[in-house]
Protein backbone atom coordinates (compact mmCIF):
# COMPACT_ATOMS: atom_id res chain seq x y z
CA UNK A 1 -20.16 7.56 54.61
CA UNK A 2 -17.31 10.51 54.08
CA UNK A 3 -14.34 8.00 53.82
CA UNK A 4 -16.29 5.74 50.83
CA UNK A 5 -16.96 9.30 48.99
CA UNK A 6 -13.35 10.14 49.11
CA UNK A 7 -12.60 6.81 47.95
CA UNK A 8 -14.87 7.32 44.90
CA UNK A 9 -13.91 10.32 44.16
CA UNK A 10 -10.15 9.79 44.53
CA UNK A 11 -10.88 7.20 42.28
CA UNK A 12 -12.30 9.04 39.42
CA UNK A 13 -9.93 11.67 40.01
CA UNK A 14 -6.88 9.42 40.03
CA UNK A 15 -7.18 8.07 36.42
CA UNK A 16 -8.81 8.92 33.11
CA UNK A 17 -12.28 8.11 34.13
CA UNK A 18 -13.68 11.39 35.68
CA UNK A 19 -12.27 13.03 32.73
CA UNK A 20 -12.87 10.83 30.05
CA UNK A 21 -16.27 10.90 31.21
CA UNK A 22 -16.53 15.26 31.25
CA UNK A 23 -14.67 15.48 27.45
CA UNK A 24 -17.36 12.97 25.80
CA UNK A 25 -20.47 14.69 27.68
CA UNK A 26 -18.94 18.19 26.55
CA UNK A 27 -17.62 17.17 23.03
CA UNK A 28 -21.27 15.70 22.37
CA UNK A 29 -23.06 18.53 24.09
CA UNK A 30 -21.46 20.87 22.30
CA UNK A 31 -21.59 19.34 18.60
CA UNK A 32 -25.42 18.53 19.33
CA UNK A 33 -25.56 22.60 20.21
CA UNK A 34 -22.81 24.48 18.33
CA UNK A 35 -21.94 22.06 14.81
CA UNK A 36 -24.45 19.68 14.00
CA UNK A 37 -27.66 21.52 11.04
CA UNK A 38 -30.85 20.02 13.10
CA UNK A 39 -30.02 20.87 16.29
CA UNK A 40 -27.62 23.93 15.35
CA UNK A 41 -29.01 26.82 18.20
CA UNK A 42 -27.34 29.65 15.91
CA UNK A 43 -30.30 28.48 13.24
CA UNK A 44 -33.08 29.24 15.50
CA UNK A 45 -32.82 32.82 14.55
CA UNK A 46 -33.57 33.36 18.60
CA UNK A 47 -31.63 33.25 21.86
CA UNK A 48 -32.62 30.07 23.70
CA UNK A 49 -31.45 26.42 24.57
CA UNK A 50 -34.59 24.65 24.32
CA UNK A 51 -32.21 22.51 22.47
CA UNK A 52 -29.47 21.49 24.68
CA UNK A 53 -31.96 20.70 27.58
CA UNK A 54 -33.75 18.59 25.87
CA UNK A 55 -31.04 16.28 24.44
CA UNK A 56 -28.88 16.33 27.57
CA UNK A 57 -31.06 13.93 29.19
CA UNK A 58 -30.27 11.50 26.70
CA UNK A 59 -26.14 11.87 26.88
CA UNK A 60 -26.70 11.45 30.60
CA UNK A 61 -28.96 8.06 29.99
CA UNK A 62 -26.69 6.58 28.72
CA UNK A 63 -23.23 8.60 29.83
CA UNK A 64 -24.91 8.26 34.12
CA UNK A 65 -24.85 4.41 33.57
CA UNK A 66 -21.23 4.19 32.40
CA UNK A 67 -19.72 5.50 35.55
CA UNK A 68 -21.81 3.52 38.01
CA UNK A 69 -21.53 0.44 36.17
CA UNK A 70 -18.20 -0.17 38.19
CA UNK A 71 -19.04 0.52 41.33
CA UNK A 72 -20.71 -2.37 43.52
CA UNK A 73 -20.52 -4.71 40.39
CA UNK A 74 -16.67 -4.34 40.72
CA UNK A 75 -16.60 -4.13 44.70
CA UNK A 76 -18.35 -7.49 44.32
CA UNK A 77 -15.90 -8.97 40.82
CA UNK A 78 -12.50 -8.20 43.40
CA UNK A 79 -14.12 -9.33 46.53
CA UNK A 80 -13.10 -5.98 48.16
CA UNK A 81 -17.09 -5.32 48.62
CA UNK A 82 -16.06 -8.29 51.67
CA UNK A 83 -13.70 -6.50 52.56
CA UNK A 84 -15.98 -3.02 52.77
CA UNK A 85 -19.08 -4.76 54.50
CA UNK A 86 -17.07 -6.44 56.72
CA UNK A 87 -15.47 -2.43 57.85
CA UNK A 88 -17.64 -0.36 61.04
CA UNK A 89 -19.63 0.59 58.30
CA UNK A 90 -22.78 0.90 57.77
CA UNK A 91 -25.20 -0.58 54.53
CA UNK A 92 -26.49 3.50 53.76
CA UNK A 93 -23.47 4.86 54.51
CA UNK A 94 -22.10 2.94 51.65
CA UNK A 95 -24.61 3.02 49.24
CA UNK A 96 -24.95 6.88 49.96
CA UNK A 97 -21.23 7.55 49.65
CA UNK A 98 -21.09 6.21 46.28
CA UNK A 99 -23.95 7.40 45.71
CA UNK A 100 -23.12 11.34 46.36
CA UNK A 101 -19.93 10.97 44.80
CA UNK A 102 -21.16 9.51 41.64
CA UNK A 103 -23.58 12.36 41.94
CA UNK A 104 -21.23 14.81 42.13
CA UNK A 105 -19.28 13.42 39.31
CA UNK A 106 -22.31 14.32 36.68
CA UNK A 107 -23.08 17.97 38.32
CA UNK A 108 -19.48 18.73 38.24
CA UNK A 109 -19.88 17.41 34.80
CA UNK A 110 -22.63 19.92 33.70
CA UNK A 111 -20.84 22.75 35.29
CA UNK A 112 -18.61 24.20 32.18
CA UNK A 113 -21.99 23.70 29.72
CA UNK A 114 -23.10 27.24 32.17
CA UNK A 115 -20.91 29.02 29.35
CA UNK A 116 -23.27 27.84 26.79
CA UNK A 117 -25.86 29.73 28.48
CA UNK A 118 -23.29 33.10 28.82
CA UNK A 119 -23.22 32.64 25.30
CA UNK A 120 -26.37 32.82 24.08
CA UNK A 121 -27.16 34.95 26.90
CA UNK A 122 -24.99 37.49 25.50
CA UNK A 123 -26.52 36.28 21.66
CA UNK A 124 -30.03 37.27 22.08
CA UNK A 125 -30.96 40.80 20.49
CA UNK A 126 -31.00 43.28 23.06
CA UNK A 127 -28.28 40.67 25.36
CA UNK A 128 -30.00 39.19 28.27
CA UNK A 129 -33.08 37.93 25.85
CA UNK A 130 -33.39 35.24 26.71
CA UNK A 131 -35.73 32.95 29.56
CA UNK A 132 -33.87 33.00 32.81
CA UNK A 133 -36.07 31.44 34.63
CA UNK A 134 -36.38 28.73 32.06
CA UNK A 135 -33.13 27.58 32.32
CA UNK A 136 -32.57 26.95 35.92
CA UNK A 137 -35.82 25.12 36.54
CA UNK A 138 -33.95 22.99 33.83
CA UNK A 139 -30.78 22.99 35.15
CA UNK A 140 -32.73 21.83 38.94
CA UNK A 141 -34.09 19.16 36.10
CA UNK A 142 -30.63 18.64 34.62
CA UNK A 143 -29.53 17.34 38.84
CA UNK A 144 -32.94 15.73 39.84
CA UNK A 145 -32.62 13.99 36.83
CA UNK A 146 -29.44 13.47 37.34
CA UNK A 147 -29.82 11.81 40.70
CA UNK A 148 -32.60 9.69 39.63
CA UNK A 149 -30.68 8.40 37.22
CA UNK A 150 -27.09 7.76 39.74
CA UNK A 151 -29.43 5.68 41.59
CA UNK A 152 -30.51 3.39 39.36
CA UNK A 153 -27.71 3.18 37.71
CA UNK A 154 -25.81 2.18 41.35
CA UNK A 155 -28.70 -0.35 41.55
CA UNK A 156 -28.18 -2.15 38.66
CA UNK A 157 -24.54 -2.02 39.93
CA UNK A 158 -25.45 -4.03 43.16
CA UNK A 159 -27.59 -7.01 40.94
CA UNK A 160 -24.42 -8.19 39.60
CA UNK A 161 -19.97 -8.29 39.39
CA UNK A 162 -20.45 -7.86 35.80
CA UNK A 163 -20.32 -4.31 34.47
CA UNK A 164 -21.14 -4.88 31.11
CA UNK A 165 -24.61 -6.47 32.45
CA UNK A 166 -24.65 -2.96 35.51
CA UNK A 167 -24.79 -1.10 31.90
CA UNK A 168 -27.58 -2.60 30.06
CA UNK A 169 -29.43 -2.67 33.11
CA UNK A 170 -28.25 0.65 33.91
CA UNK A 171 -29.23 1.89 30.72
CA UNK A 172 -32.74 -0.14 30.02
CA UNK A 173 -34.18 0.76 33.36
CA UNK A 174 -33.47 4.93 33.19
CA UNK A 175 -34.72 4.70 29.77
CA UNK A 176 -38.21 3.07 30.41
CA UNK A 177 -38.11 5.61 33.46
CA UNK A 178 -37.66 8.29 31.25
CA UNK A 179 -39.35 7.93 28.09
CA UNK A 180 -41.49 4.49 28.44
CA UNK A 181 -43.72 5.07 30.55
CA UNK A 182 -44.60 8.53 29.20
CA UNK A 183 -45.10 6.77 25.88
CA UNK A 184 -47.22 3.76 27.78
CA UNK A 185 -49.13 6.50 28.77
CA UNK A 186 -50.16 7.67 25.23
CA UNK A 187 -51.88 4.76 24.78
CA UNK A 188 -55.22 5.79 23.45
CA UNK A 189 -56.78 2.34 25.56
CA UNK A 190 -55.92 3.99 29.56
CA UNK A 191 -58.68 6.66 28.96
CA UNK A 192 -58.59 8.95 32.61
CA UNK A 193 -55.67 6.92 34.38
CA UNK A 194 -53.35 8.66 30.82
CA UNK A 195 -53.10 11.86 32.80
CA UNK A 196 -51.11 10.52 36.04
CA UNK A 197 -49.30 7.78 34.15
CA UNK A 198 -47.96 10.07 32.14
CA UNK A 199 -47.36 12.34 35.35
CA UNK A 200 -45.50 10.21 36.89
CA UNK A 201 -42.72 9.38 33.52
CA UNK A 202 -39.27 11.29 34.17
CA UNK A 203 -39.79 12.72 31.19
CA UNK A 204 -42.71 14.79 32.04
CA UNK A 205 -41.11 15.74 35.65
CA UNK A 206 -38.40 17.11 34.21
CA UNK A 207 -40.65 19.23 31.49
CA UNK A 208 -42.68 20.53 33.97
CA UNK A 209 -39.20 21.87 35.49
CA UNK A 210 -38.44 23.44 32.45
CA UNK A 211 -41.11 25.25 32.71
CA UNK A 212 -39.41 27.98 35.14
CA UNK A 213 -41.68 26.53 37.53
CA UNK A 214 -40.67 24.55 40.03
CA UNK A 215 -43.37 22.64 42.14
CA UNK A 216 -41.79 21.11 45.54
CA UNK A 217 -44.35 18.25 44.17
CA UNK A 218 -41.91 17.73 41.16
CA UNK A 219 -38.63 17.65 43.55
CA UNK A 220 -40.28 15.81 45.76
CA UNK A 221 -41.60 12.62 43.96
CA UNK A 222 -38.10 12.66 41.72
CA UNK A 223 -35.76 12.19 45.62
CA UNK A 224 -38.44 10.30 45.70
CA UNK A 225 -37.54 7.91 43.32
CA UNK A 226 -33.77 8.51 44.06
CA UNK A 227 -34.18 7.18 47.08
CA UNK A 228 -36.45 3.92 46.29
CA UNK A 229 -33.74 3.15 43.92
CA UNK A 230 -31.03 3.46 47.05
CA UNK A 231 -32.62 1.72 49.59
CA UNK A 232 -33.35 -1.29 47.11
CA UNK A 233 -29.35 -0.28 46.68
CA UNK A 234 -28.86 -1.34 50.14
CA UNK A 235 -30.85 -4.02 50.24
CA UNK A 236 -28.86 -5.55 47.40
CA UNK A 237 -25.55 -5.00 50.12
CA UNK A 238 -27.54 -6.24 52.81
CA UNK A 239 -27.69 -9.51 50.93
CA UNK A 240 -24.38 -9.75 49.87
CA UNK A 241 -23.29 -9.28 53.65
CA UNK A 242 -25.05 -12.52 55.02
CA UNK A 243 -22.95 -13.95 52.36
CA UNK A 244 -20.14 -12.65 54.39
């Protein structure tokens, strides 16, 4: 797993990929948080990062599939997947190495946004008048949500050798899990089943963590979704291995 992890990290930072991803993310979130009037935190009149935490998942919805789309699709297209699968390397080591590398890149990208917290912390009246518990919970939620999107993106990348198709599938499935399930749960005909259906939607899980109470049930559920998609990715890699 470690060689794959190192290979992916070196590939990210030896090209413009990582720097473009970070620049695009920080620029987009920065404009939404500090410039655009509809979402400008300075217009709220009180110290709050609610707009940042509500908008960031939608940026990650598109950004993470753009990062992961090449992970396995490019290996298949270039024929290097066959070389990897003939090495003394298990399918799980291959999948987990790529997962950890992609997730680490996303976490590194999120790291500079801590500056927003310290800025709003100082802007409070008095200074420090901000719900730090909710901020910590929201960051935990963002980290776990990012892990889910990375796992979904890897699975999408394992389905095809076309990076654009992998990107589209990754965005669609991530959007379905983040927004689609919750939207369907709001339909009237579900009745008593509406609550459990809404609970499994990623936006509800993320919102609950953002209230500052880190419930182990939410953490376990999100990690279970990650494990599910990593397992599905491993199955696809095994199919590729059988073709070698």
